[in-house]
Amino acid sequence: MEQYVAEDATLTSARRAGQQADIGPIGAASGAVLRFLAAAIGARAVVEVGTGCGSSGIWLLRGMRPDGILTSVDVEPEYQESAREAYRSAGFPANRARLIQGNALEVLPRLTDSAYDLVFVDAVRTEYPRFLAEALRLLRSGGVVVFNNALDATPLSDGPLSASDPATSAAREVGQLVREDDTLMPLLLPVGEGLLAAILTPPTSE
């Protein structure tokens, strides 16, 4: 599946920078899903939790509308400098990406409610349930939330880690929260390390 959509030189460079930094950048298959989702909903405003070295941001920007703005949050300023250079190499003007350095759980509450089309989370898995709560506040009706590294979100997955592992437990918790929320339409995609996606559905009329 990784071979179906090929990376160009800019994406390969950004992914290798992420690998050298040991932050687990997304591969081409997962990136293609992000690009597809952003394009499918005509995303103009996207939040990314976990900038990394820019590979996921490039995929998102390539799917977004030409006037779209990516807001990306990361605690590591050096990663964001790498991402900024990657965006520039990919041909995106500086005003297409707003990079915010800081703890996402402190930054996200400052963003506007119901103002975003897509929220992509690729950060500390133990915080995934809290990131879900923030994403649901940020998303417009019809918006999409996506969690990376989510193969453990299904209760049927035993995986290499036990259920008592905090990261695994958090992934399973967010999977359960998404499945049980009547306002969400979920989908778990077995690409890369797993993408858990959910659409915030419009309220039904009585």
N, C-alpha and C. Protein backbone atom coordinates (compact mmCIF):
# COMPACT_ATOMS: atom_id res chain seq x y z
N MET A 1 0.82 -1.21 0.00
CA MET A 1 0.00 0.00 0.00
C MET A 1 0.86 1.27 0.00
N GLU A 2 2.03 1.21 0.68
CA GLU A 2 2.91 2.38 0.70
C GLU A 2 3.40 2.74 -0.70
N GLN A 3 3.47 1.73 -1.59
CA GLN A 3 4.00 1.98 -2.93
C GLN A 3 2.95 2.57 -3.87
N TYR A 4 1.67 2.59 -3.46
CA TYR A 4 0.62 3.05 -4.36
C TYR A 4 0.75 4.54 -4.66
N VAL A 5 1.06 5.31 -3.63
CA VAL A 5 1.27 6.75 -3.81
C VAL A 5 2.73 7.05 -3.49
N ALA A 6 3.45 7.50 -4.47
CA ALA A 6 4.89 7.74 -4.29
C ALA A 6 5.14 9.11 -3.68
N GLU A 7 6.16 9.18 -2.83
CA GLU A 7 6.62 10.46 -2.30
C GLU A 7 7.47 11.18 -3.35
N ASP A 8 7.43 12.50 -3.32
CA ASP A 8 8.40 13.25 -4.11
C ASP A 8 9.62 13.54 -3.23
N ALA A 9 10.60 14.24 -3.77
CA ALA A 9 11.84 14.46 -3.04
C ALA A 9 11.63 15.27 -1.77
N THR A 10 10.71 16.23 -1.80
CA THR A 10 10.46 17.06 -0.62
C THR A 10 9.87 16.24 0.51
N LEU A 11 8.90 15.39 0.20
CA LEU A 11 8.30 14.54 1.22
C LEU A 11 9.30 13.54 1.77
N THR A 12 10.11 12.96 0.89
CA THR A 12 11.12 12.01 1.34
C THR A 12 12.10 12.67 2.30
N SER A 13 12.51 13.89 1.98
CA SER A 13 13.44 14.61 2.84
C SER A 13 12.82 14.90 4.19
N ALA A 14 11.56 15.33 4.20
CA ALA A 14 10.88 15.64 5.46
C ALA A 14 10.69 14.38 6.30
N ARG A 15 10.34 13.28 5.64
CA ARG A 15 10.15 12.03 6.39
C ARG A 15 11.47 11.54 6.98
N ARG A 16 12.55 11.63 6.21
CA ARG A 16 13.85 11.20 6.72
C ARG A 16 14.32 12.07 7.88
N ALA A 17 14.01 13.36 7.81
CA ALA A 17 14.34 14.25 8.93
C ALA A 17 13.59 13.81 10.18
N GLY A 18 12.33 13.42 10.02
CA GLY A 18 11.55 12.93 11.15
C GLY A 18 12.10 11.63 11.69
N GLN A 19 12.54 10.77 10.81
CA GLN A 19 13.13 9.50 11.26
C GLN A 19 14.42 9.74 12.03
N GLN A 20 15.24 10.67 11.55
CA GLN A 20 16.50 10.98 12.24
C GLN A 20 16.23 11.59 13.61
N ALA A 21 15.11 12.32 13.72
CA ALA A 21 14.73 12.89 15.01
C ALA A 21 13.99 11.89 15.89
N ASP A 22 13.74 10.69 15.34
CA ASP A 22 13.08 9.61 16.07
C ASP A 22 11.68 10.00 16.53
N ILE A 23 10.91 10.62 15.61
CA ILE A 23 9.55 11.03 15.96
C ILE A 23 8.50 10.31 15.13
N GLY A 24 8.89 9.28 14.40
CA GLY A 24 7.92 8.44 13.71
C GLY A 24 7.04 9.17 12.71
N PRO A 25 7.61 9.76 11.66
CA PRO A 25 6.79 10.46 10.67
C PRO A 25 5.88 9.50 9.91
N ILE A 26 4.78 10.02 9.40
CA ILE A 26 3.84 9.18 8.65
C ILE A 26 4.44 8.79 7.31
N GLY A 27 4.00 7.64 6.80
CA GLY A 27 4.42 7.18 5.49
C GLY A 27 3.48 7.68 4.40
N ALA A 28 3.75 7.25 3.18
CA ALA A 28 2.99 7.74 2.04
C ALA A 28 1.53 7.33 2.09
N ALA A 29 1.24 6.11 2.55
CA ALA A 29 -0.15 5.65 2.57
C ALA A 29 -0.99 6.48 3.53
N SER A 30 -0.47 6.71 4.72
CA SER A 30 -1.20 7.54 5.69
C SER A 30 -1.31 8.98 5.20
N GLY A 31 -0.22 9.47 4.62
CA GLY A 31 -0.27 10.83 4.08
C GLY A 31 -1.29 10.99 2.98
N ALA A 32 -1.39 9.98 2.12
CA ALA A 32 -2.37 10.03 1.05
C ALA A 32 -3.80 10.07 1.59
N VAL A 33 -4.04 9.37 2.71
CA VAL A 33 -5.35 9.42 3.35
C VAL A 33 -5.65 10.83 3.85
N LEU A 34 -4.67 11.45 4.48
CA LEU A 34 -4.87 12.82 4.98
C LEU A 34 -5.16 13.77 3.83
N ARG A 35 -4.39 13.66 2.75
CA ARG A 35 -4.63 14.51 1.59
C ARG A 35 -6.02 14.29 1.03
N PHE A 36 -6.42 13.03 0.92
CA PHE A 36 -7.74 12.68 0.39
C PHE A 36 -8.85 13.27 1.25
N LEU A 37 -8.75 13.10 2.57
CA LEU A 37 -9.79 13.62 3.45
C LEU A 37 -9.88 15.14 3.39
N ALA A 38 -8.73 15.80 3.38
CA ALA A 38 -8.73 17.26 3.31
C ALA A 38 -9.37 17.74 2.00
N ALA A 39 -9.07 17.05 0.90
CA ALA A 39 -9.65 17.42 -0.39
C ALA A 39 -11.14 17.10 -0.44
N ALA A 40 -11.53 15.96 0.14
CA ALA A 40 -12.93 15.53 0.06
C ALA A 40 -13.87 16.50 0.76
N ILE A 41 -13.41 17.12 1.84
CA ILE A 41 -14.28 18.04 2.57
C ILE A 41 -13.98 19.50 2.23
N GLY A 42 -13.09 19.72 1.27
CA GLY A 42 -12.75 21.10 0.90
C GLY A 42 -12.17 21.88 2.06
N ALA A 43 -11.26 21.27 2.78
CA ALA A 43 -10.75 21.87 4.01
C ALA A 43 -10.03 23.19 3.76
N ARG A 44 -10.43 24.18 4.52
CA ARG A 44 -9.79 25.49 4.45
C ARG A 44 -9.02 25.79 5.74
N ALA A 45 -9.49 25.25 6.86
CA ALA A 45 -8.85 25.48 8.15
C ALA A 45 -8.61 24.13 8.82
N VAL A 46 -7.34 23.80 9.07
CA VAL A 46 -6.96 22.51 9.63
C VAL A 46 -6.05 22.73 10.84
N VAL A 47 -6.27 21.94 11.88
CA VAL A 47 -5.40 21.93 13.04
C VAL A 47 -4.62 20.62 13.06
N GLU A 48 -3.32 20.72 13.27
CA GLU A 48 -2.47 19.55 13.39
C GLU A 48 -1.81 19.57 14.77
N VAL A 49 -1.99 18.51 15.54
CA VAL A 49 -1.36 18.38 16.85
C VAL A 49 -0.15 17.47 16.66
N GLY A 50 1.03 18.06 16.69
CA GLY A 50 2.27 17.32 16.42
C GLY A 50 2.80 17.68 15.05
N THR A 51 3.56 18.76 14.97
CA THR A 51 4.09 19.23 13.69
C THR A 51 5.11 18.26 13.12
N GLY A 52 5.94 17.69 14.01
CA GLY A 52 7.05 16.87 13.53
C GLY A 52 7.96 17.69 12.63
N CYS A 53 8.50 17.06 11.62
CA CYS A 53 9.39 17.77 10.70
C CYS A 53 8.70 18.15 9.39
N GLY A 54 7.36 18.05 9.37
CA GLY A 54 6.62 18.64 8.27
C GLY A 54 6.00 17.71 7.25
N SER A 55 6.26 16.40 7.32
CA SER A 55 5.74 15.52 6.27
C SER A 55 4.22 15.46 6.28
N SER A 56 3.60 15.30 7.44
CA SER A 56 2.14 15.24 7.49
C SER A 56 1.53 16.58 7.09
N GLY A 57 2.18 17.68 7.47
CA GLY A 57 1.68 18.99 7.08
C GLY A 57 1.66 19.19 5.58
N ILE A 58 2.68 18.69 4.89
CA ILE A 58 2.71 18.80 3.43
C ILE A 58 1.55 18.03 2.81
N TRP A 59 1.31 16.81 3.29
CA TRP A 59 0.18 16.03 2.77
C TRP A 59 -1.13 16.78 2.99
N LEU A 60 -1.31 17.33 4.19
CA LEU A 60 -2.55 18.06 4.48
C LEU A 60 -2.69 19.28 3.58
N LEU A 61 -1.63 20.06 3.47
CA LEU A 61 -1.68 21.28 2.65
C LEU A 61 -1.98 20.96 1.19
N ARG A 62 -1.48 19.84 0.70
CA ARG A 62 -1.72 19.47 -0.69
C ARG A 62 -3.17 19.05 -0.94
N GLY A 63 -3.88 18.68 0.11
CA GLY A 63 -5.30 18.36 -0.05
C GLY A 63 -6.22 19.53 0.24
N MET A 64 -5.72 20.52 0.96
CA MET A 64 -6.56 21.66 1.34
C MET A 64 -6.80 22.60 0.17
N ARG A 65 -7.78 23.47 0.35
CA ARG A 65 -8.04 24.50 -0.66
C ARG A 65 -6.84 25.42 -0.80
N PRO A 66 -6.69 26.05 -1.97
CA PRO A 66 -5.52 26.90 -2.19
C PRO A 66 -5.39 28.06 -1.21
N ASP A 67 -6.52 28.47 -0.61
CA ASP A 67 -6.47 29.55 0.36
C ASP A 67 -6.50 29.03 1.80
N GLY A 68 -6.34 27.72 1.96
CA GLY A 68 -6.42 27.12 3.28
C GLY A 68 -5.21 27.41 4.14
N ILE A 69 -5.41 27.38 5.47
CA ILE A 69 -4.34 27.63 6.42
C ILE A 69 -4.25 26.45 7.39
N LEU A 70 -3.05 25.93 7.53
CA LEU A 70 -2.76 24.86 8.47
C LEU A 70 -2.23 25.47 9.75
N THR A 71 -2.88 25.16 10.87
CA THR A 71 -2.40 25.56 12.20
C THR A 71 -1.79 24.33 12.84
N SER A 72 -0.49 24.36 13.09
CA SER A 72 0.21 23.19 13.59
C SER A 72 0.90 23.50 14.91
N VAL A 73 0.70 22.61 15.89
CA VAL A 73 1.18 22.83 17.25
C VAL A 73 2.19 21.76 17.63
N ASP A 74 3.31 22.19 18.23
CA ASP A 74 4.33 21.24 18.68
C ASP A 74 5.12 21.88 19.81
N VAL A 75 5.60 21.06 20.73
CA VAL A 75 6.38 21.57 21.85
C VAL A 75 7.83 21.83 21.47
N GLU A 76 8.28 21.26 20.34
CA GLU A 76 9.69 21.35 19.97
C GLU A 76 9.92 22.38 18.86
N PRO A 77 10.54 23.52 19.18
CA PRO A 77 10.73 24.55 18.15
C PRO A 77 11.64 24.10 17.01
N GLU A 78 12.61 23.22 17.30
CA GLU A 78 13.51 22.80 16.22
C GLU A 78 12.77 21.96 15.18
N TYR A 79 11.78 21.19 15.62
CA TYR A 79 10.98 20.43 14.67
C TYR A 79 10.21 21.39 13.76
N GLN A 80 9.67 22.43 14.37
CA GLN A 80 8.89 23.38 13.58
C GLN A 80 9.75 24.15 12.59
N GLU A 81 10.99 24.39 12.95
CA GLU A 81 11.90 25.03 11.99
C GLU A 81 12.11 24.10 10.79
N SER A 82 12.28 22.81 11.05
CA SER A 82 12.42 21.84 9.96
C SER A 82 11.15 21.80 9.12
N ALA A 83 10.00 21.84 9.79
CA ALA A 83 8.73 21.81 9.06
C ALA A 83 8.57 23.05 8.20
N ARG A 84 8.94 24.19 8.74
CA ARG A 84 8.82 25.45 7.97
C ARG A 84 9.66 25.37 6.69
N GLU A 85 10.85 24.82 6.81
CA GLU A 85 11.71 24.67 5.63
C GLU A 85 11.11 23.66 4.66
N ALA A 86 10.49 22.59 5.18
CA ALA A 86 9.86 21.60 4.32
C ALA A 86 8.70 22.20 3.55
N TYR A 87 7.88 23.01 4.22
CA TYR A 87 6.76 23.66 3.54
C TYR A 87 7.28 24.58 2.43
N ARG A 88 8.35 25.29 2.75
CA ARG A 88 8.93 26.20 1.75
C ARG A 88 9.44 25.41 0.55
N SER A 89 10.11 24.31 0.81
CA SER A 89 10.62 23.47 -0.27
C SER A 89 9.50 22.89 -1.12
N ALA A 90 8.34 22.64 -0.48
CA ALA A 90 7.19 22.10 -1.20
C ALA A 90 6.45 23.17 -1.99
N GLY A 91 6.86 24.43 -1.85
CA GLY A 91 6.28 25.50 -2.65
C GLY A 91 5.14 26.25 -1.99
N PHE A 92 4.94 26.06 -0.70
CA PHE A 92 3.85 26.75 -0.02
C PHE A 92 4.34 28.08 0.54
N PRO A 93 3.61 29.17 0.30
CA PRO A 93 4.01 30.45 0.90
C PRO A 93 3.89 30.40 2.42
N ALA A 94 4.62 31.28 3.08
CA ALA A 94 4.69 31.25 4.54
C ALA A 94 3.33 31.43 5.20
N ASN A 95 2.42 32.16 4.54
CA ASN A 95 1.12 32.42 5.17
C ASN A 95 0.16 31.24 5.10
N ARG A 96 0.57 30.12 4.50
CA ARG A 96 -0.30 28.95 4.45
C ARG A 96 -0.20 28.11 5.74
N ALA A 97 0.81 28.35 6.55
CA ALA A 97 1.00 27.56 7.77
C ALA A 97 1.24 28.47 8.96
N ARG A 98 0.47 28.25 10.01
CA ARG A 98 0.65 28.97 11.27
C ARG A 98 1.20 27.98 12.29
N LEU A 99 2.47 28.12 12.63
CA LEU A 99 3.13 27.20 13.54
C LEU A 99 3.14 27.80 14.94
N ILE A 100 2.58 27.05 15.90
CA ILE A 100 2.49 27.50 17.28
C ILE A 100 3.31 26.56 18.15
N GLN A 101 4.30 27.11 18.84
CA GLN A 101 5.13 26.30 19.72
C GLN A 101 4.52 26.31 21.12
N GLY A 102 4.28 25.10 21.65
CA GLY A 102 3.72 25.01 22.99
C GLY A 102 3.04 23.68 23.21
N ASN A 103 2.60 23.46 24.44
CA ASN A 103 1.85 22.27 24.80
C ASN A 103 0.46 22.35 24.18
N ALA A 104 0.09 21.34 23.41
CA ALA A 104 -1.17 21.40 22.68
C ALA A 104 -2.37 21.56 23.60
N LEU A 105 -2.34 20.94 24.76
CA LEU A 105 -3.48 21.04 25.68
C LEU A 105 -3.60 22.43 26.30
N GLU A 106 -2.57 23.24 26.15
CA GLU A 106 -2.65 24.64 26.56
C GLU A 106 -2.97 25.54 25.37
N VAL A 107 -2.55 25.13 24.17
CA VAL A 107 -2.77 25.94 22.97
C VAL A 107 -4.18 25.76 22.41
N LEU A 108 -4.65 24.52 22.32
CA LEU A 108 -5.94 24.26 21.68
C LEU A 108 -7.10 25.01 22.31
N PRO A 109 -7.18 25.15 23.63
CA PRO A 109 -8.30 25.90 24.21
C PRO A 109 -8.36 27.36 23.77
N ARG A 110 -7.27 27.88 23.23
CA ARG A 110 -7.25 29.27 22.78
C ARG A 110 -7.74 29.42 21.34
N LEU A 111 -7.96 28.30 20.65
CA LEU A 111 -8.44 28.35 19.27
C LEU A 111 -9.96 28.45 19.25
N THR A 112 -10.49 28.96 18.15
CA THR A 112 -11.91 29.29 18.05
C THR A 112 -12.79 28.05 17.92
N ASP A 113 -13.89 28.05 18.66
CA ASP A 113 -14.85 26.95 18.58
C ASP A 113 -15.45 26.82 17.19
N SER A 114 -15.68 25.60 16.76
CA SER A 114 -16.43 25.29 15.52
C SER A 114 -15.87 25.99 14.29
N ALA A 115 -14.56 26.23 14.27
CA ALA A 115 -13.96 27.02 13.19
C ALA A 115 -13.07 26.19 12.26
N TYR A 116 -12.97 24.89 12.48
CA TYR A 116 -12.01 24.10 11.73
C TYR A 116 -12.69 22.93 11.02
N ASP A 117 -12.13 22.60 9.86
CA ASP A 117 -12.69 21.54 9.03
C ASP A 117 -12.11 20.18 9.37
N LEU A 118 -10.87 20.15 9.83
CA LEU A 118 -10.19 18.88 10.10
C LEU A 118 -9.20 19.09 11.23
N VAL A 119 -9.13 18.11 12.13
CA VAL A 119 -8.13 18.10 13.20
C VAL A 119 -7.37 16.78 13.09
N PHE A 120 -6.07 16.86 12.93
CA PHE A 120 -5.22 15.68 12.85
C PHE A 120 -4.34 15.61 14.08
N VAL A 121 -4.38 14.48 14.79
CA VAL A 121 -3.63 14.31 16.03
C VAL A 121 -2.57 13.24 15.85
N ASP A 122 -1.32 13.63 16.02
CA ASP A 122 -0.19 12.70 15.95
C ASP A 122 0.78 13.11 17.05
N ALA A 123 0.40 12.80 18.29
CA ALA A 123 1.15 13.27 19.44
C ALA A 123 1.15 12.18 20.50
N VAL A 124 1.36 12.56 21.75
CA VAL A 124 1.44 11.60 22.84
C VAL A 124 0.10 10.87 22.98
N ARG A 125 0.13 9.55 22.83
CA ARG A 125 -1.13 8.79 22.79
C ARG A 125 -1.86 8.80 24.12
N THR A 126 -1.15 8.95 25.22
CA THR A 126 -1.83 8.98 26.51
C THR A 126 -2.78 10.15 26.64
N GLU A 127 -2.62 11.17 25.80
CA GLU A 127 -3.48 12.34 25.85
C GLU A 127 -4.60 12.29 24.79
N TYR A 128 -4.70 11.20 24.07
CA TYR A 128 -5.69 11.14 22.98
C TYR A 128 -7.13 11.43 23.44
N PRO A 129 -7.60 10.90 24.57
CA PRO A 129 -8.96 11.24 24.98
C PRO A 129 -9.17 12.74 25.21
N ARG A 130 -8.18 13.40 25.77
CA ARG A 130 -8.30 14.85 25.97
C ARG A 130 -8.22 15.60 24.64
N PHE A 131 -7.41 15.11 23.72
CA PHE A 131 -7.35 15.73 22.40
C PHE A 131 -8.69 15.57 21.67
N LEU A 132 -9.36 14.44 21.87
CA LEU A 132 -10.67 14.25 21.24
C LEU A 132 -11.65 15.30 21.72
N ALA A 133 -11.68 15.56 23.01
CA ALA A 133 -12.60 16.57 23.55
C ALA A 133 -12.33 17.94 22.94
N GLU A 134 -11.05 18.29 22.80
CA GLU A 134 -10.71 19.57 22.18
C GLU A 134 -11.10 19.59 20.70
N ALA A 135 -10.85 18.48 20.01
CA ALA A 135 -11.17 18.43 18.58
C ALA A 135 -12.67 18.62 18.35
N LEU A 136 -13.50 18.00 19.16
CA LEU A 136 -14.94 18.12 18.97
C LEU A 136 -15.41 19.55 19.19
N ARG A 137 -14.74 20.28 20.05
CA ARG A 137 -15.08 21.69 20.24
C ARG A 137 -14.64 22.53 19.04
N LEU A 138 -13.50 22.18 18.47
CA LEU A 138 -12.93 22.98 17.38
C LEU A 138 -13.62 22.74 16.04
N LEU A 139 -14.14 21.53 15.83
CA LEU A 139 -14.66 21.17 14.51
C LEU A 139 -16.02 21.79 14.22
N ARG A 140 -16.20 22.16 12.97
CA ARG A 140 -17.53 22.53 12.46
C ARG A 140 -18.33 21.27 12.24
N SER A 141 -19.63 21.41 12.08
CA SER A 141 -20.46 20.28 11.70
C SER A 141 -20.01 19.76 10.34
N GLY A 142 -19.80 18.46 10.24
CA GLY A 142 -19.28 17.87 9.01
C GLY A 142 -17.77 17.80 8.97
N GLY A 143 -17.10 18.31 10.01
CA GLY A 143 -15.65 18.25 10.07
C GLY A 143 -15.16 16.86 10.47
N VAL A 144 -13.87 16.65 10.33
CA VAL A 144 -13.28 15.32 10.53
C VAL A 144 -12.14 15.41 11.53
N VAL A 145 -12.11 14.46 12.47
CA VAL A 145 -10.97 14.30 13.37
C VAL A 145 -10.26 13.01 12.99
N VAL A 146 -8.92 13.04 13.01
CA VAL A 146 -8.11 11.87 12.65
C VAL A 146 -7.02 11.70 13.69
N PHE A 147 -6.88 10.46 14.20
CA PHE A 147 -5.81 10.11 15.13
C PHE A 147 -4.85 9.14 14.45
N ASN A 148 -3.55 9.44 14.53
CA ASN A 148 -2.55 8.52 14.00
C ASN A 148 -2.14 7.53 15.10
N ASN A 149 -1.48 6.45 14.71
CA ASN A 149 -1.04 5.41 15.64
C ASN A 149 -2.21 4.86 16.44
N ALA A 150 -3.26 4.47 15.73
CA ALA A 150 -4.52 4.13 16.39
C ALA A 150 -4.96 2.68 16.19
N LEU A 151 -4.06 1.80 15.78
CA LEU A 151 -4.48 0.41 15.58
C LEU A 151 -5.02 -0.21 16.86
N ASP A 152 -4.55 0.28 18.00
CA ASP A 152 -5.02 -0.25 19.28
C ASP A 152 -6.38 0.31 19.68
N ALA A 153 -6.99 1.14 18.83
CA ALA A 153 -8.28 1.74 19.18
C ALA A 153 -9.41 0.73 19.18
N THR A 154 -9.19 -0.42 18.58
CA THR A 154 -10.21 -1.45 18.60
C THR A 154 -10.03 -2.36 19.81
N PRO A 155 -11.11 -2.73 20.49
CA PRO A 155 -10.97 -3.62 21.66
C PRO A 155 -10.55 -5.02 21.27
N LEU A 156 -10.60 -5.36 19.96
CA LEU A 156 -10.20 -6.69 19.51
C LEU A 156 -8.70 -6.80 19.30
N SER A 157 -8.00 -5.68 19.37
CA SER A 157 -6.56 -5.67 19.11
C SER A 157 -5.79 -5.91 20.39
N ASP A 158 -5.07 -7.02 20.43
CA ASP A 158 -4.22 -7.28 21.58
C ASP A 158 -2.87 -6.60 21.41
N GLY A 159 -2.34 -6.67 20.18
CA GLY A 159 -1.10 -5.97 19.87
C GLY A 159 0.06 -6.46 20.71
N PRO A 160 1.24 -5.87 20.49
CA PRO A 160 2.42 -6.29 21.22
C PRO A 160 2.45 -5.77 22.66
N LEU A 161 1.59 -4.77 22.95
CA LEU A 161 1.57 -4.20 24.28
C LEU A 161 0.32 -4.66 25.02
N SER A 162 0.42 -4.75 26.33
CA SER A 162 -0.73 -5.17 27.12
C SER A 162 -1.71 -4.02 27.26
N ALA A 163 -2.95 -4.37 27.62
CA ALA A 163 -3.97 -3.35 27.80
C ALA A 163 -3.65 -2.43 28.97
N SER A 164 -2.74 -2.86 29.85
CA SER A 164 -2.38 -2.03 30.98
C SER A 164 -1.36 -0.96 30.60
N ASP A 165 -0.77 -1.06 29.42
CA ASP A 165 0.14 -0.03 28.93
C ASP A 165 -0.64 1.27 28.76
N PRO A 166 -0.18 2.39 29.32
CA PRO A 166 -0.96 3.63 29.28
C PRO A 166 -1.30 4.09 27.87
N ALA A 167 -0.35 3.98 26.93
CA ALA A 167 -0.63 4.42 25.56
C ALA A 167 -1.68 3.55 24.91
N THR A 168 -1.58 2.24 25.10
CA THR A 168 -2.58 1.34 24.53
C THR A 168 -3.95 1.59 25.15
N SER A 169 -3.97 1.76 26.47
CA SER A 169 -5.24 2.02 27.15
C SER A 169 -5.89 3.30 26.66
N ALA A 170 -5.08 4.33 26.44
CA ALA A 170 -5.62 5.60 25.96
C ALA A 170 -6.15 5.47 24.54
N ALA A 171 -5.43 4.71 23.69
CA ALA A 171 -5.91 4.50 22.32
C ALA A 171 -7.24 3.75 22.32
N ARG A 172 -7.35 2.75 23.17
CA ARG A 172 -8.60 2.01 23.25
C ARG A 172 -9.72 2.86 23.83
N GLU A 173 -9.35 3.73 24.77
CA GLU A 173 -10.37 4.62 25.34
C GLU A 173 -10.90 5.59 24.29
N VAL A 174 -10.01 6.18 23.50
CA VAL A 174 -10.48 7.12 22.49
C VAL A 174 -11.29 6.39 21.42
N GLY A 175 -10.90 5.14 21.11
CA GLY A 175 -11.70 4.36 20.17
C GLY A 175 -13.09 4.12 20.69
N GLN A 176 -13.20 3.80 21.97
CA GLN A 176 -14.52 3.58 22.57
C GLN A 176 -15.33 4.86 22.61
N LEU A 177 -14.69 5.97 22.96
CA LEU A 177 -15.40 7.25 22.99
C LEU A 177 -15.95 7.62 21.62
N VAL A 178 -15.15 7.38 20.60
CA VAL A 178 -15.60 7.70 19.24
C VAL A 178 -16.76 6.79 18.83
N ARG A 179 -16.65 5.51 19.13
CA ARG A 179 -17.72 4.57 18.74
C ARG A 179 -19.03 4.86 19.45
N GLU A 180 -18.96 5.31 20.69
CA GLU A 180 -20.17 5.49 21.50
C GLU A 180 -20.78 6.87 21.38
N ASP A 181 -20.11 7.78 20.68
CA ASP A 181 -20.63 9.15 20.52
C ASP A 181 -21.58 9.20 19.33
N ASP A 182 -22.85 9.47 19.59
CA ASP A 182 -23.86 9.48 18.53
C ASP A 182 -23.64 10.61 17.52
N THR A 183 -22.82 11.60 17.85
CA THR A 183 -22.57 12.70 16.92
C THR A 183 -21.43 12.39 15.96
N LEU A 184 -20.79 11.22 16.13
CA LEU A 184 -19.63 10.88 15.31
C LEU A 184 -19.90 9.67 14.43
N MET A 185 -19.34 9.70 13.22
CA MET A 185 -19.38 8.56 12.31
C MET A 185 -17.94 8.08 12.15
N PRO A 186 -17.56 6.96 12.82
CA PRO A 186 -16.15 6.57 12.88
C PRO A 186 -15.72 5.59 11.81
N LEU A 187 -14.40 5.55 11.60
CA LEU A 187 -13.79 4.59 10.69
C LEU A 187 -12.36 4.38 11.13
N LEU A 188 -11.95 3.10 11.28
CA LEU A 188 -10.58 2.77 11.61
C LEU A 188 -9.91 2.20 10.36
N LEU A 189 -8.89 2.90 9.88
CA LEU A 189 -8.21 2.53 8.64
C LEU A 189 -6.89 1.84 8.96
N PRO A 190 -6.69 0.61 8.46
CA PRO A 190 -5.46 -0.13 8.74
C PRO A 190 -4.32 0.26 7.80
N VAL A 191 -3.97 1.52 7.78
CA VAL A 191 -2.83 1.99 6.99
C VAL A 191 -1.78 2.53 7.96
N GLY A 192 -0.52 2.34 7.61
CA GLY A 192 0.55 2.76 8.50
C GLY A 192 0.39 2.11 9.86
N GLU A 193 0.41 2.94 10.89
CA GLU A 193 0.18 2.46 12.25
C GLU A 193 -1.27 2.60 12.67
N GLY A 194 -2.14 2.82 11.69
CA GLY A 194 -3.57 2.92 11.95
C GLY A 194 -4.04 4.36 12.04
N LEU A 195 -5.11 4.69 11.31
CA LEU A 195 -5.73 6.01 11.38
C LEU A 195 -7.18 5.83 11.85
N LEU A 196 -7.50 6.44 12.96
CA LEU A 196 -8.88 6.47 13.44
C LEU A 196 -9.48 7.80 13.03
N ALA A 197 -10.50 7.75 12.17
CA ALA A 197 -11.14 8.97 11.67
C ALA A 197 -12.60 8.98 12.08
N ALA A 198 -13.15 10.16 12.24
CA ALA A 198 -14.56 10.28 12.57
C ALA A 198 -15.09 11.62 12.05
N ILE A 199 -16.28 11.57 11.47
CA ILE A 199 -16.96 12.77 10.99
C ILE A 199 -17.90 13.27 12.08
N LEU A 200 -17.85 14.57 12.37
CA LEU A 200 -18.81 15.17 13.27
C LEU A 200 -20.09 15.43 12.49
N THR A 201 -21.10 14.62 12.70
CA THR A 201 -22.29 14.66 11.88
C THR A 201 -23.20 15.82 12.27
N PRO A 202 -23.92 16.40 11.30
CA PRO A 202 -24.88 17.46 11.62
C PRO A 202 -25.97 16.94 12.53
N PRO A 203 -26.50 17.78 13.42
CA PRO A 203 -27.58 17.33 14.29
C PRO A 203 -28.81 16.95 13.48
N THR A 204 -29.47 15.88 13.89
CA THR A 204 -30.68 15.45 13.19
C THR A 204 -31.86 16.30 13.63
N SER A 205 -32.73 16.62 12.70
CA SER A 205 -33.91 17.40 13.02
C SER A 205 -34.95 16.51 13.67
N GLU A 206 -35.64 17.06 14.65
CA GLU A 206 -36.66 16.30 15.34
C GLU A 206 -37.88 16.09 14.43
